[in-house]
C-alpha atoms as a PDB file:
ATOM      1  CA  UNK A   1       0.000   0.000   0.000  1.00  0.00           C
ATOM      2  CA  UNK A   2       1.415   3.378  -1.062  1.00  0.00           C
ATOM      3  CA  UNK A   3       1.594   6.453   1.128  1.00  0.00           C
ATOM      4  CA  UNK A   4      -1.169   8.011  -0.955  1.00  0.00           C
ATOM      5  CA  UNK A   5      -3.467   5.043  -0.298  1.00  0.00           C
ATOM      6  CA  UNK A   6      -2.700   5.253   3.403  1.00  0.00           C
ATOM      7  CA  UNK A   7      -3.504   8.968   3.401  1.00  0.00           C
ATOM      8  CA  UNK A   8      -6.762   8.339   1.571  1.00  0.00           C
ATOM      9  CA  UNK A   9      -7.785   5.736   4.127  1.00  0.00           C
ATOM     10  CA  UNK A  10      -6.986   7.980   7.095  1.00  0.00           C
ATOM     11  CA  UNK A  11      -8.966  10.837   5.567  1.00  0.00           C
ATOM     12  CA  UNK A  12     -11.878   8.533   4.758  1.00  0.00           C
ATOM     13  CA  UNK A  13     -12.096   7.766   8.478  1.00  0.00           C
ATOM     14  CA  UNK A  14     -11.854  11.277   9.923  1.00  0.00           C
ATOM     15  CA  UNK A  15     -13.072  13.571   7.109  1.00  0.00           C
ATOM     16  CA  UNK A  16     -16.783  12.643   7.478  1.00  0.00           C
ATOM     17  CA  UNK A  17     -16.662  13.546  11.173  1.00  0.00           C
ATOM     18  CA  UNK A  18     -14.994  16.862  10.363  1.00  0.00           C
ATOM     19  CA  UNK A  19     -17.610  17.649   7.708  1.00  0.00           C
ATOM     20  CA  UNK A  20     -20.556  16.786   9.967  1.00  0.00           C
ATOM     21  CA  UNK A  21     -19.128  18.930  12.767  1.00  0.00           C
ATOM     22  CA  UNK A  22     -18.380  21.749  10.314  1.00  0.00           C
ATOM     23  CA  UNK A  23     -21.962  21.550   9.095  1.00  0.00           C
ATOM     24  CA  UNK A  24     -23.214  21.733  12.671  1.00  0.00           C
ATOM     25  CA  UNK A  25     -20.978  24.736  13.318  1.00  0.00           C
ATOM     26  CA  UNK A  26     -22.450  26.509  10.299  1.00  0.00           C
ATOM     27  CA  UNK A  27     -26.022  25.711  11.330  1.00  0.00           C
ATOM     28  CA  UNK A  28     -25.282  26.977  14.825  1.00  0.00           C
ATOM     29  CA  UNK A  29     -23.824  30.214  13.510  1.00  0.00           C
ATOM     30  CA  UNK A  30     -26.927  31.020  11.430  1.00  0.00           C
ATOM     31  CA  UNK A  31     -29.325  30.040  14.204  1.00  0.00           C
ATOM     32  CA  UNK A  32     -30.738  26.834  12.681  1.00  0.00           C
ATOM     33  CA  UNK A  33     -29.352  24.628  15.466  1.00  0.00           C
ATOM     34  CA  UNK A  34     -30.215  26.554  18.664  1.00  0.00           C
ATOM     35  CA  UNK A  35     -29.343  25.569  22.207  1.00  0.00           C
ATOM     36  CA  UNK A  36     -32.823  24.141  22.864  1.00  0.00           C
ATOM     37  CA  UNK A  37     -32.584  21.838  19.850  1.00  0.00           C
ATOM     38  CA  UNK A  38     -29.108  20.698  20.890  1.00  0.00           C
ATOM     39  CA  UNK A  39     -30.472  19.775  24.301  1.00  0.00           C
ATOM     40  CA  UNK A  40     -33.225  17.675  22.758  1.00  0.00           C
ATOM     41  CA  UNK A  41     -30.789  15.970  20.382  1.00  0.00           C
ATOM     42  CA  UNK A  42     -28.357  15.147  23.188  1.00  0.00           C
ATOM     43  CA  UNK A  43     -31.135  13.600  25.274  1.00  0.00           C
ATOM     44  CA  UNK A  44     -32.342  11.605  22.273  1.00  0.00           C
ATOM     45  CA  UNK A  45     -28.843  10.243  21.716  1.00  0.00           C
ATOM     46  CA  UNK A  46     -28.200   9.432  25.386  1.00  0.00           C
ATOM     47  CA  UNK A  47     -31.564   7.928  26.299  1.00  0.00           C
ATOM     48  CA  UNK A  48     -32.585   6.255  23.018  1.00  0.00           C
ATOM     49  CA  UNK A  49     -30.019   6.044  20.231  1.00  0.00           C
ATOM     50  CA  UNK A  50     -26.904   4.834  22.057  1.00  0.00           C
ATOM     51  CA  UNK A  51     -28.766   2.319  24.260  1.00  0.00           C
ATOM     52  CA  UNK A  52     -30.458   0.981  21.120  1.00  0.00           C
ATOM     53  CA  UNK A  53     -27.084   0.727  19.366  1.00  0.00           C
ATOM     54  CA  UNK A  54     -25.656  -1.351  22.212  1.00  0.00           C
ATOM     55  CA  UNK A  55     -28.768  -3.498  22.525  1.00  0.00           C
ATOM     56  CA  UNK A  56     -28.995  -4.324  18.818  1.00  0.00           C
ATOM     57  CA  UNK A  57     -25.261  -4.798  18.268  1.00  0.00           C
ATOM     58  CA  UNK A  58     -24.800  -7.233  21.155  1.00  0.00           C
ATOM     59  CA  UNK A  59     -27.824  -9.338  20.155  1.00  0.00           C
ATOM     60  CA  UNK A  60     -26.694  -9.689  16.551  1.00  0.00           C
ATOM     61  CA  UNK A  61     -23.917 -12.133  17.449  1.00  0.00           C
ATOM     62  CA  UNK A  62     -23.315 -14.739  20.189  1.00  0.00           C
ATOM     63  CA  UNK A  63     -21.751 -13.345  23.348  1.00  0.00           C
ATOM     64  CA  UNK A  64     -18.654 -15.504  22.936  1.00  0.00           C
ATOM     65  CA  UNK A  65     -17.859 -13.779  19.650  1.00  0.00           C
ATOM     66  CA  UNK A  66     -18.094 -10.200  20.929  1.00  0.00           C
ATOM     67  CA  UNK A  67     -16.579 -10.513  24.422  1.00  0.00           C
ATOM     68  CA  UNK A  68     -12.884  -9.572  24.418  1.00  0.00           C
ATOM     69  CA  UNK A  69     -11.758  -9.734  28.065  1.00  0.00           C
ATOM     70  CA  UNK A  70      -8.085  -8.971  27.381  1.00  0.00           C
ATOM     71  CA  UNK A  71      -8.974  -6.001  25.210  1.00  0.00           C
ATOM     72  CA  UNK A  72     -11.384  -4.694  27.840  1.00  0.00           C
ATOM     73  CA  UNK A  73      -8.815  -5.091  30.618  1.00  0.00           C
ATOM     74  CA  UNK A  74      -6.217  -3.353  28.444  1.00  0.00           C
ATOM     75  CA  UNK A  75      -8.351  -0.283  27.775  1.00  0.00           C
ATOM     76  CA  UNK A  76      -9.515  -0.106  31.394  1.00  0.00           C
ATOM     77  CA  UNK A  77      -5.927  -0.378  32.623  1.00  0.00           C
ATOM     78  CA  UNK A  78      -4.794   2.435  30.324  1.00  0.00           C
ATOM     79  CA  UNK A  79      -7.711   4.576  31.503  1.00  0.00           C
ATOM     80  CA  UNK A  80      -6.750   4.076  35.150  1.00  0.00           C
ATOM     81  CA  UNK A  81      -3.112   4.853  34.345  1.00  0.00           C
ATOM     82  CA  UNK A  82      -4.037   8.105  32.567  1.00  0.00           C
ATOM     83  CA  UNK A  83      -6.342   8.931  35.473  1.00  0.00           C
ATOM     84  CA  UNK A  84      -3.449   8.571  37.902  1.00  0.00           C
ATOM     85  CA  UNK A  85      -1.081  10.584  35.725  1.00  0.00           C
ATOM     86  CA  UNK A  86      -3.617  13.379  35.321  1.00  0.00           C
ATOM     87  CA  UNK A  87      -4.218  13.619  39.065  1.00  0.00           C
ATOM     88  CA  UNK A  88      -0.505  13.810  39.881  1.00  0.00           C
ATOM     89  CA  UNK A  89       0.322  16.214  37.051  1.00  0.00           C
ATOM     90  CA  UNK A  90      -2.607  18.571  37.660  1.00  0.00           C
ATOM     91  CA  UNK A  91      -1.900  18.708  41.398  1.00  0.00           C
ATOM     92  CA  UNK A  92       1.614  19.881  40.675  1.00  0.00           C
ATOM     93  CA  UNK A  93       0.371  22.366  38.077  1.00  0.00           C
ATOM     94  CA  UNK A  94      -2.197  23.984  40.345  1.00  0.00           C
ATOM     95  CA  UNK A  95       0.263  24.057  43.217  1.00  0.00           C
ATOM     96  CA  UNK A  96       2.522  26.164  41.031  1.00  0.00           C
ATOM     97  CA  UNK A  97      -0.233  28.622  40.066  1.00  0.00           C
ATOM     98  CA  UNK A  98      -1.828  29.071  43.492  1.00  0.00           C
ATOM     99  CA  UNK A  99      -2.144  32.703  44.505  1.00  0.00           C
ATOM    100  CA  UNK A 100      -2.191  31.872  48.203  1.00  0.00           C
ATOM    101  CA  UNK A 101      -1.878  28.906  50.511  1.00  0.00           C
ATOM    102  CA  UNK A 102      -5.246  29.342  52.212  1.00  0.00           C
ATOM    103  CA  UNK A 103      -7.671  26.519  52.842  1.00  0.00           C
ATOM    104  CA  UNK A 104     -10.118  27.995  50.312  1.00  0.00           C
ATOM    105  CA  UNK A 105      -7.466  27.938  47.592  1.00  0.00           C
ATOM    106  CA  UNK A 106      -6.697  24.289  48.373  1.00  0.00           C
ATOM    107  CA  UNK A 107     -10.369  23.361  48.207  1.00  0.00           C
ATOM    108  CA  UNK A 108     -10.833  25.093  44.842  1.00  0.00           C
ATOM    109  CA  UNK A 109      -7.724  23.359  43.514  1.00  0.00           C
ATOM    110  CA  UNK A 110      -9.196  19.981  44.493  1.00  0.00           C
ATOM    111  CA  UNK A 111     -12.203  20.608  42.243  1.00  0.00           C
ATOM    112  CA  UNK A 112      -9.938  21.816  39.447  1.00  0.00           C
ATOM    113  CA  UNK A 113      -7.831  18.639  39.729  1.00  0.00           C
ATOM    114  CA  UNK A 114     -10.996  16.548  39.519  1.00  0.00           C
ATOM    115  CA  UNK A 115     -12.158  18.445  36.435  1.00  0.00           C
ATOM    116  CA  UNK A 116      -8.832  18.131  34.623  1.00  0.00           C
ATOM    117  CA  UNK A 117      -8.509  14.448  35.487  1.00  0.00           C
ATOM    118  CA  UNK A 118     -11.967  13.657  34.178  1.00  0.00           C
ATOM    119  CA  UNK A 119     -11.387  15.591  30.951  1.00  0.00           C
ATOM    120  CA  UNK A 120      -8.123  13.719  30.408  1.00  0.00           C
ATOM    121  CA  UNK A 121      -9.362  10.140  30.770  1.00  0.00           C
ATOM    122  CA  UNK A 122     -13.039  10.353  29.747  1.00  0.00           C
ATOM    123  CA  UNK A 123     -13.556  10.051  25.997  1.00  0.00           C
ATOM    124  CA  UNK A 124     -16.572  10.509  23.745  1.00  0.00           C
ATOM    125  CA  UNK A 125     -16.995   6.811  22.955  1.00  0.00           C
ATOM    126  CA  UNK A 126     -20.695   6.819  22.153  1.00  0.00           C
ATOM    127  CA  UNK A 127     -20.543   9.305  19.288  1.00  0.00           C
ATOM    128  CA  UNK A 128     -16.989   9.985  18.088  1.00  0.00           C
ATOM    129  CA  UNK A 129     -15.500   6.608  19.054  1.00  0.00           C
ATOM    130  CA  UNK A 130     -18.281   4.503  17.542  1.00  0.00           C
ATOM    131  CA  UNK A 131     -18.491   6.629  14.391  1.00  0.00           C
ATOM    132  CA  UNK A 132     -14.748   6.318  13.815  1.00  0.00           C
ATOM    133  CA  UNK A 133     -15.013   2.530  14.131  1.00  0.00           C
ATOM    134  CA  UNK A 134     -17.899   2.469  11.665  1.00  0.00           C
ATOM    135  CA  UNK A 135     -16.017   4.571   9.135  1.00  0.00           C
ATOM    136  CA  UNK A 136     -12.904   2.411   9.371  1.00  0.00           C
ATOM    137  CA  UNK A 137     -14.321  -1.111   9.648  1.00  0.00           C
ATOM    138  CA  UNK A 138     -18.026  -1.018   8.795  1.00  0.00           C
ATOM    139  CA  UNK A 139     -20.881  -2.603  10.738  1.00  0.00           C
ATOM    140  CA  UNK A 140     -18.841  -5.726  11.516  1.00  0.00           C
ATOM    141  CA  UNK A 141     -17.149  -3.830  14.349  1.00  0.00           C
ATOM    142  CA  UNK A 142     -20.355  -2.816  16.144  1.00  0.00           C
ATOM    143  CA  UNK A 143     -20.917  -5.894  18.363  1.00  0.00           C
ATOM    144  CA  UNK A 144     -17.385  -5.855  19.779  1.00  0.00           C
ATOM    145  CA  UNK A 145     -17.187  -2.054  19.974  1.00  0.00           C
ATOM    146  CA  UNK A 146     -20.600  -1.676  21.639  1.00  0.00           C
ATOM    147  CA  UNK A 147     -19.861  -4.121  24.427  1.00  0.00           C
ATOM    148  CA  UNK A 148     -16.389  -2.641  24.950  1.00  0.00           C
ATOM    149  CA  UNK A 149     -17.873   0.859  25.056  1.00  0.00           C
ATOM    150  CA  UNK A 150     -20.469  -0.149  27.643  1.00  0.00           C
ATOM    151  CA  UNK A 151     -17.954  -1.768  29.983  1.00  0.00           C
ATOM    152  CA  UNK A 152     -15.446   1.076  29.738  1.00  0.00           C
ATOM    153  CA  UNK A 153     -18.250   3.618  30.268  1.00  0.00           C
ATOM    154  CA  UNK A 154     -18.950   2.020  33.653  1.00  0.00           C
ATOM    155  CA  UNK A 155     -15.328   2.671  34.623  1.00  0.00           C
ATOM    156  CA  UNK A 156     -15.545   6.251  33.302  1.00  0.00           C
ATOM    157  CA  UNK A 157     -18.573   6.967  35.473  1.00  0.00           C
ATOM    158  CA  UNK A 158     -17.065   5.340  38.549  1.00  0.00           C
ATOM    159  CA  UNK A 159     -13.769   7.256  38.267  1.00  0.00           C
ATOM    160  CA  UNK A 160     -15.594  10.554  37.648  1.00  0.00           C
ATOM    161  CA  UNK A 161     -17.766  10.141  40.737  1.00  0.00           C
ATOM    162  CA  UNK A 162     -14.789   9.010  42.816  1.00  0.00           C
ATOM    163  CA  UNK A 163     -12.522  11.954  41.987  1.00  0.00           C
ATOM    164  CA  UNK A 164     -15.266  14.562  42.447  1.00  0.00           C
ATOM    165  CA  UNK A 165     -16.487  12.990  45.680  1.00  0.00           C
ATOM    166  CA  UNK A 166     -12.906  13.142  46.957  1.00  0.00           C
ATOM    167  CA  UNK A 167     -12.821  16.833  46.028  1.00  0.00           C
ATOM    168  CA  UNK A 168     -16.110  17.406  47.865  1.00  0.00           C
ATOM    169  CA  UNK A 169     -14.707  15.610  50.910  1.00  0.00           C
ATOM    170  CA  UNK A 170     -11.593  17.802  50.829  1.00  0.00           C
ATOM    171  CA  UNK A 171     -13.784  20.905  50.676  1.00  0.00           C
ATOM    172  CA  UNK A 172     -15.464  19.742  53.862  1.00  0.00           C
ATOM    173  CA  UNK A 173     -18.928  19.923  52.309  1.00  0.00           C
ATOM    174  CA  UNK A 174     -21.553  17.961  54.202  1.00  0.00           C
ATOM    175  CA  UNK A 175     -23.277  15.370  52.000  1.00  0.00           C
ATOM    176  CA  UNK A 176     -26.060  13.150  53.383  1.00  0.00           C
ATOM    177  CA  UNK A 177     -25.513   9.427  52.971  1.00  0.00           C
ATOM    178  CA  UNK A 178     -28.578   9.053  50.752  1.00  0.00           C
ATOM    179  CA  UNK A 179     -27.091  11.489  48.221  1.00  0.00           C
ATOM    180  CA  UNK A 180     -23.929   9.404  47.961  1.00  0.00           C
ATOM    181  CA  UNK A 181     -25.967   6.246  47.387  1.00  0.00           C
ATOM    182  CA  UNK A 182     -28.039   8.112  44.819  1.00  0.00           C
ATOM    183  CA  UNK A 183     -24.930   8.946  42.792  1.00  0.00           C
ATOM    184  CA  UNK A 184     -23.917   5.287  42.551  1.00  0.00           C
ATOM    185  CA  UNK A 185     -27.510   4.250  41.855  1.00  0.00           C
ATOM    186  CA  UNK A 186     -27.607   6.683  38.926  1.00  0.00           C
ATOM    187  CA  UNK A 187     -24.525   4.974  37.512  1.00  0.00           C
ATOM    188  CA  UNK A 188     -26.206   1.572  37.663  1.00  0.00           C
ATOM    189  CA  UNK A 189     -29.399   2.983  36.127  1.00  0.00           C
ATOM    190  CA  UNK A 190     -27.495   4.646  33.284  1.00  0.00           C
ATOM    191  CA  UNK A 191     -29.415   3.916  30.038  1.00  0.00           C
ATOM    192  CA  UNK A 192     -26.273   2.623  28.319  1.00  0.00           C
ATOM    193  CA  UNK A 193     -25.540   0.191  31.133  1.00  0.00           C
ATOM    194  CA  UNK A 194     -29.162  -0.919  31.404  1.00  0.00           C
ATOM    195  CA  UNK A 195     -29.339  -1.602  27.661  1.00  0.00           C
ATOM    196  CA  UNK A 196     -26.100  -3.579  27.785  1.00  0.00           C
ATOM    197  CA  UNK A 197     -27.153  -5.682  30.772  1.00  0.00           C
ATOM    198  CA  UNK A 198     -30.539  -6.403  29.179  1.00  0.00           C
ATOM    199  CA  UNK A 199     -28.925  -7.444  25.903  1.00  0.00           C
ATOM    200  CA  UNK A 200     -26.411  -9.669  27.719  1.00  0.00           C
ATOM    201  CA  UNK A 201     -29.234 -11.303  29.669  1.00  0.00           C
ATOM    202  CA  UNK A 202     -31.272 -11.992  26.511  1.00  0.00           C
ATOM    203  CA  UNK A 203     -28.161 -13.233  24.725  1.00  0.00           C
ATOM    204  CA  UNK A 204     -27.316 -15.568  27.600  1.00  0.00           C
ATOM    205  CA  UNK A 205     -30.873 -16.912  27.600  1.00  0.00           C
ATOM    206  CA  UNK A 206     -30.666 -17.263  23.797  1.00  0.00           C
ATOM    207  CA  UNK A 207     -33.835 -15.227  23.303  1.00  0.00           C
ATOM    208  CA  UNK A 208     -34.498 -14.620  19.617  1.00  0.00           C
ATOM    209  CA  UNK A 209     -35.352 -11.054  18.565  1.00  0.00           C
ATOM    210  CA  UNK A 210     -37.194 -10.597  15.230  1.00  0.00           C
ATOM    211  CA  UNK A 211     -34.851  -9.508  12.451  1.00  0.00           C
ATOM    212  CA  UNK A 212     -37.283  -6.742  11.492  1.00  0.00           C
ATOM    213  CA  UNK A 213     -36.940  -5.104  14.915  1.00  0.00           C
ATOM    214  CA  UNK A 214     -33.144  -5.311  14.805  1.00  0.00           C
ATOM    215  CA  UNK A 215     -33.120  -3.760  11.320  1.00  0.00           C
ATOM    216  CA  UNK A 216     -35.409  -0.941  12.475  1.00  0.00           C
ATOM    217  CA  UNK A 217     -33.105  -0.240  15.392  1.00  0.00           C
ATOM    218  CA  UNK A 218     -30.061  -0.125  13.142  1.00  0.00           C
ATOM    219  CA  UNK A 219     -31.824   2.293  10.799  1.00  0.00           C
ATOM    220  CA  UNK A 220     -32.710   4.602  13.668  1.00  0.00           C
ATOM    221  CA  UNK A 221     -29.135   4.644  14.936  1.00  0.00           C
ATOM    222  CA  UNK A 222     -27.784   5.251  11.419  1.00  0.00           C
ATOM    223  CA  UNK A 223     -29.395   8.689  11.163  1.00  0.00           C
ATOM    224  CA  UNK A 224     -29.088   9.776  14.785  1.00  0.00           C
ATOM    225  CA  UNK A 225     -25.274   9.466  14.966  1.00  0.00           C
ATOM    226  CA  UNK A 226     -24.706  12.126  12.253  1.00  0.00           C
ATOM    227  CA  UNK A 227     -27.292  14.271  14.062  1.00  0.00           C
ATOM    228  CA  UNK A 228     -25.192  13.969  17.201  1.00  0.00           C
ATOM    229  CA  UNK A 229     -22.111  15.129  15.282  1.00  0.00           C
ATOM    230  CA  UNK A 230     -24.067  18.141  14.034  1.00  0.00           C
ATOM    231  CA  UNK A 231     -24.942  18.932  17.638  1.00  0.00           C
ATOM    232  CA  UNK A 232     -21.279  18.775  18.674  1.00  0.00           C
ATOM    233  CA  UNK A 233     -20.329  21.139  15.859  1.00  0.00           C
ATOM    234  CA  UNK A 234     -23.124  23.560  16.735  1.00  0.00           C
ATOM    235  CA  UNK A 235     -21.970  23.600  20.367  1.00  0.00           C
ATOM    236  CA  UNK A 236     -18.563  24.889  19.280  1.00  0.00           C
ATOM    237  CA  UNK A 237     -20.230  28.111  18.125  1.00  0.00           C
ATOM    238  CA  UNK A 238     -21.727  28.908  21.521  1.00  0.00           C
ATOM    239  CA  UNK A 239     -21.086  32.623  22.181  1.00  0.00           C
ATOM    240  CA  UNK A 240     -19.035  33.754  25.123  1.00  0.00           C
ATOM    241  CA  UNK A 241     -18.789  37.108  26.804  1.00  0.00           C
ATOM    242  CA  UNK A 242     -15.650  39.211  26.669  1.00  0.00           C
ATOM    243  CA  UNK A 243     -14.801  38.426  30.269  1.00  0.00           C
ATOM    244  CA  UNK A 244     -15.082  34.691  29.682  1.00  0.00           C
ATOM    245  CA  UNK A 245     -12.918  34.851  26.541  1.00  0.00           C
ATOM    246  CA  UNK A 246     -10.293  36.805  28.454  1.00  0.00           C
ATOM    247  CA  UNK A 247     -10.347  34.325  31.316  1.00  0.00           C
ATOM    248  CA  UNK A 248     -10.151  31.351  28.977  1.00  0.00           C
ATOM    249  CA  UNK A 249      -6.975  32.695  27.423  1.00  0.00           C
ATOM    250  CA  UNK A 250      -5.216  33.447  30.701  1.00  0.00           C
ATOM    251  CA  UNK A 251      -2.131  31.618  31.905  1.00  0.00           C
ATOM    252  CA  UNK A 252      -4.197  29.872  34.588  1.00  0.00           C
ATOM    253  CA  UNK A 253      -6.188  28.076  31.894  1.00  0.00           C
ATOM    254  CA  UNK A 254      -3.211  27.237  29.707  1.00  0.00           C
ATOM    255  CA  UNK A 255      -1.610  24.744  32.099  1.00  0.00           C
ATOM    256  CA  UNK A 256      -4.653  22.544  32.738  1.00  0.00           C
ATOM    257  CA  UNK A 257      -5.560  22.602  29.035  1.00  0.00           C
ATOM    258  CA  UNK A 258      -2.035  21.490  28.151  1.00  0.00           C
ATOM    259  CA  UNK A 259      -2.379  18.586  30.597  1.00  0.00           C
ATOM    260  CA  UNK A 260      -5.749  17.531  29.195  1.00  0.00           C
ATOM    261  CA  UNK A 261      -4.745  17.745  25.537  1.00  0.00           C
ATOM    262  CA  UNK A 262      -1.393  16.024  26.042  1.00  0.00           C
ATOM    263  CA  UNK A 263      -2.831  13.068  27.945  1.00  0.00           C
ATOM    264  CA  UNK A 264      -6.046  12.832  25.910  1.00  0.00           C
ATOM    265  CA  UNK A 265      -4.711  13.238  22.376  1.00  0.00           C
ATOM    266  CA  UNK A 266      -1.158  11.911  22.661  1.00  0.00           C
ATOM    267  CA  UNK A 267      -0.367   9.769  25.710  1.00  0.00           C
ATOM    268  CA  UNK A 268      -3.544   7.688  25.936  1.00  0.00           C
ATOM    269  CA  UNK A 269      -3.848   6.735  22.221  1.00  0.00           C
ATOM    270  CA  UNK A 270      -0.106   6.062  21.998  1.00  0.00           C
ATOM    271  CA  UNK A 271      -0.248   3.735  25.000  1.00  0.00           C
ATOM    272  CA  UNK A 272      -3.374   2.022  23.663  1.00  0.00           C
ATOM    273  CA  UNK A 273      -1.975   1.317  20.203  1.00  0.00           C
ATOM    274  CA  UNK A 274       1.437   0.209  21.469  1.00  0.00           C
ATOM    275  CA  UNK A 275       0.122  -2.125  24.171  1.00  0.00           C
ATOM    276  CA  UNK A 276      -2.562  -3.567  21.885  1.00  0.00           C
ATOM    277  CA  UNK A 277       0.154  -4.368  19.332  1.00  0.00           C
ATOM    278  CA  UNK A 278       2.334  -5.873  22.063  1.00  0.00           C
ATOM    279  CA  UNK A 279      -0.550  -8.152  23.105  1.00  0.00           C
ATOM    280  CA  UNK A 280      -0.858  -9.357  19.539  1.00  0.00           C
ATOM    281  CA  UNK A 281      -3.895  -7.407  18.340  1.00  0.00           C
ATOM    282  CA  UNK A 282      -4.024  -6.203  14.755  1.00  0.00           C
ATOM    283  CA  UNK A 283      -6.518  -4.733  12.339  1.00  0.00           C
ATOM    284  CA  UNK A 284     -10.047  -4.094  13.588  1.00  0.00           C
ATOM    285  CA  UNK A 285      -9.462  -4.824  17.281  1.00  0.00           C
ATOM    286  CA  UNK A 286      -6.336  -2.691  17.522  1.00  0.00           C
ATOM    287  CA  UNK A 287      -8.080   0.085  15.620  1.00  0.00           C
ATOM    288  CA  UNK A 288     -11.073  -0.033  17.961  1.00  0.00           C
ATOM    289  CA  UNK A 289      -8.863   0.363  21.035  1.00  0.00           C
ATOM    290  CA  UNK A 290      -7.009   3.222  19.355  1.00  0.00           C
ATOM    291  CA  UNK A 291     -10.194   5.059  18.368  1.00  0.00           C
ATOM    292  CA  UNK A 292     -11.682   4.711  21.845  1.00  0.00           C
ATOM    293  CA  UNK A 293      -8.478   5.927  23.473  1.00  0.00           C
ATOM    294  CA  UNK A 294      -8.073   8.823  21.022  1.00  0.00           C
ATOM    295  CA  UNK A 295     -11.690  10.037  21.207  1.00  0.00           C
ATOM    296  CA  UNK A 296     -11.978  13.632  22.486  1.00  0.00           C
ATOM    297  CA  UNK A 297     -13.322  14.572  25.895  1.00  0.00           C
ATOM    298  CA  UNK A 298     -16.936  13.490  26.376  1.00  0.00           C
ATOM    299  CA  UNK A 299     -19.678  16.096  26.693  1.00  0.00           C
ATOM    300  CA  UNK A 300     -20.865  14.251  29.815  1.00  0.00           C
ATOM    301  CA  UNK A 301     -17.782  15.579  31.615  1.00  0.00           C
ATOM    302  CA  UNK A 302     -19.262  19.088  31.442  1.00  0.00           C
ATOM    303  CA  UNK A 303     -22.502  17.913  33.065  1.00  0.00           C
ATOM    304  CA  UNK A 304     -20.644  16.194  35.906  1.00  0.00           C
ATOM    305  CA  UNK A 305     -18.309  19.153  36.465  1.00  0.00           C
ATOM    306  CA  UNK A 306     -21.230  21.585  36.566  1.00  0.00           C
ATOM    307  CA  UNK A 307     -23.154  19.390  39.012  1.00  0.00           C
ATOM    308  CA  UNK A 308     -20.217  19.484  41.449  1.00  0.00           C
ATOM    309  CA  UNK A 309     -19.676  23.231  41.078  1.00  0.00           C
ATOM    310  CA  UNK A 310     -16.392  23.040  39.141  1.00  0.00           C
ATOM    311  CA  UNK A 311     -15.190  25.600  36.586  1.00  0.00           C
ATOM    312  CA  UNK A 312     -17.685  25.438  33.684  1.00  0.00           C
ATOM    313  CA  UNK A 313     -15.450  27.492  31.377  1.00  0.00           C
ATOM    314  CA  UNK A 314     -12.542  25.094  31.715  1.00  0.00           C
ATOM    315  CA  UNK A 315     -14.822  22.076  31.259  1.00  0.00           C
ATOM    316  CA  UNK A 316     -16.370  23.492  28.087  1.00  0.00           C
ATOM    317  CA  UNK A 317     -12.994  24.552  26.709  1.00  0.00           C
ATOM    318  CA  UNK A 318     -11.585  21.054  27.201  1.00  0.00           C
ATOM    319  CA  UNK A 319     -14.454  19.541  25.217  1.00  0.00           C
ATOM    320  CA  UNK A 320     -14.243  22.039  22.363  1.00  0.00           C
ATOM    321  CA  UNK A 321     -10.461  22.050  21.937  1.00  0.00           C
ATOM    322  CA  UNK A 322     -10.081  18.289  22.243  1.00  0.00           C
ATOM    323  CA  UNK A 323     -12.909  17.764  19.721  1.00  0.00           C
ATOM    324  CA  UNK A 324     -11.279  20.041  17.153  1.00  0.00           C
ATOM    325  CA  UNK A 325      -7.667  18.960  17.670  1.00  0.00           C
ATOM    326  CA  UNK A 326      -8.554  15.261  17.847  1.00  0.00           C
ATOM    327  CA  UNK A 327      -9.398  15.333  14.160  1.00  0.00           C
ATOM    328  CA  UNK A 328      -5.731  16.089  13.498  1.00  0.00           C
ATOM    329  CA  UNK A 329      -4.284  13.683  16.054  1.00  0.00           C
ATOM    330  CA  UNK A 330      -6.575  10.811  15.009  1.00  0.00           C
ATOM    331  CA  UNK A 331      -5.849  11.377  11.314  1.00  0.00           C
ATOM    332  CA  UNK A 332      -2.116  11.280  12.042  1.00  0.00           C
ATOM    333  CA  UNK A 333      -2.541   8.179  14.209  1.00  0.00           C
ATOM    334  CA  UNK A 334      -4.535   6.306  11.558  1.00  0.00           C
ATOM    335  CA  UNK A 335      -1.937   7.201   8.929  1.00  0.00           C
ATOM    336  CA  UNK A 336       0.935   5.912  11.089  1.00  0.00           C
ATOM    337  CA  UNK A 337      -0.859   2.715  12.136  1.00  0.00           C
ATOM    338  CA  UNK A 338      -1.876   1.994   8.560  1.00  0.00           C
ATOM    339  CA  UNK A 339       1.651   2.638   7.295  1.00  0.00           C
ATOM    340  CA  UNK A 340       3.060   0.251   9.917  1.00  0.00           C
ATOM    341  CA  UNK A 341       0.538  -2.407   8.915  1.00  0.00           C
ATOM    342  CA  UNK A 342      -0.982  -2.541  12.389  1.00  0.00           C
ATOM    343  CA  UNK A 343      -4.484  -1.525  11.318  1.00  0.00           C
END
């Protein structure tokens, strides 16, 4: 395969995502994709489309063919490693930028560390990750990718709650026990997890689902994923006041953003591809791990950060910048992996 063929393949994977997001940006700029519509689209994707994707994909093939325990353990291990690196690095970074050594400053830094850590390890698997896999390998990848996404998403949620709860504890905020149980209950009742567990149960019981229903579900997912990409692009055009733009460009924001982008777009995908190759994975499976590791920061990280009272500007900036720059880093990664014959 020539370098030109490799370049064409890498662009065929990432260019559609760029074009959908660019289209969403344009629609947002002219007012055809307002904030209210984006909210409805995001809820549709989270509560209906992605759960249906997991449910249908898992039921299409026997569980033994889609369950990759080593691959799952590999991606989870890399996620935990990046989580640890982000916590240590961000603690040092905020220690160097602290304006005073008061207790209040320490408490605010704890929330900032939690925000940066979550943005660094939590990727947009449900939209960007899955769409990249579809573009590169077709529908054959969906059963394996859907189950992998569901299991890793459980870890994402658990780590996010853990790091923010630790920040809340450090702030000395009183939280009733029932609220803590409610957080973990919400994780278990997550639509993605519920759809996965239901599909695994039906698959284990060998319950047959009519082909017509599975085909209808696939058709629904096929048009909602591009809609989700439009929503991401439209979100990039959200206006910001002069004060917010000035704050976002300050030195204080540069350090945490450098940590997030370095770990999210460089360290995590590099570790994923290298270790997957070392474990003997090639082609579709290696590519799936790479795409999941290289996916930009998930929009859900903003919701979690806002719920815990963290810096909304930093959370939004991490999502936007990682989404835009990931198109470059993923394109370069696909080109290199294809040239090496790994994918």
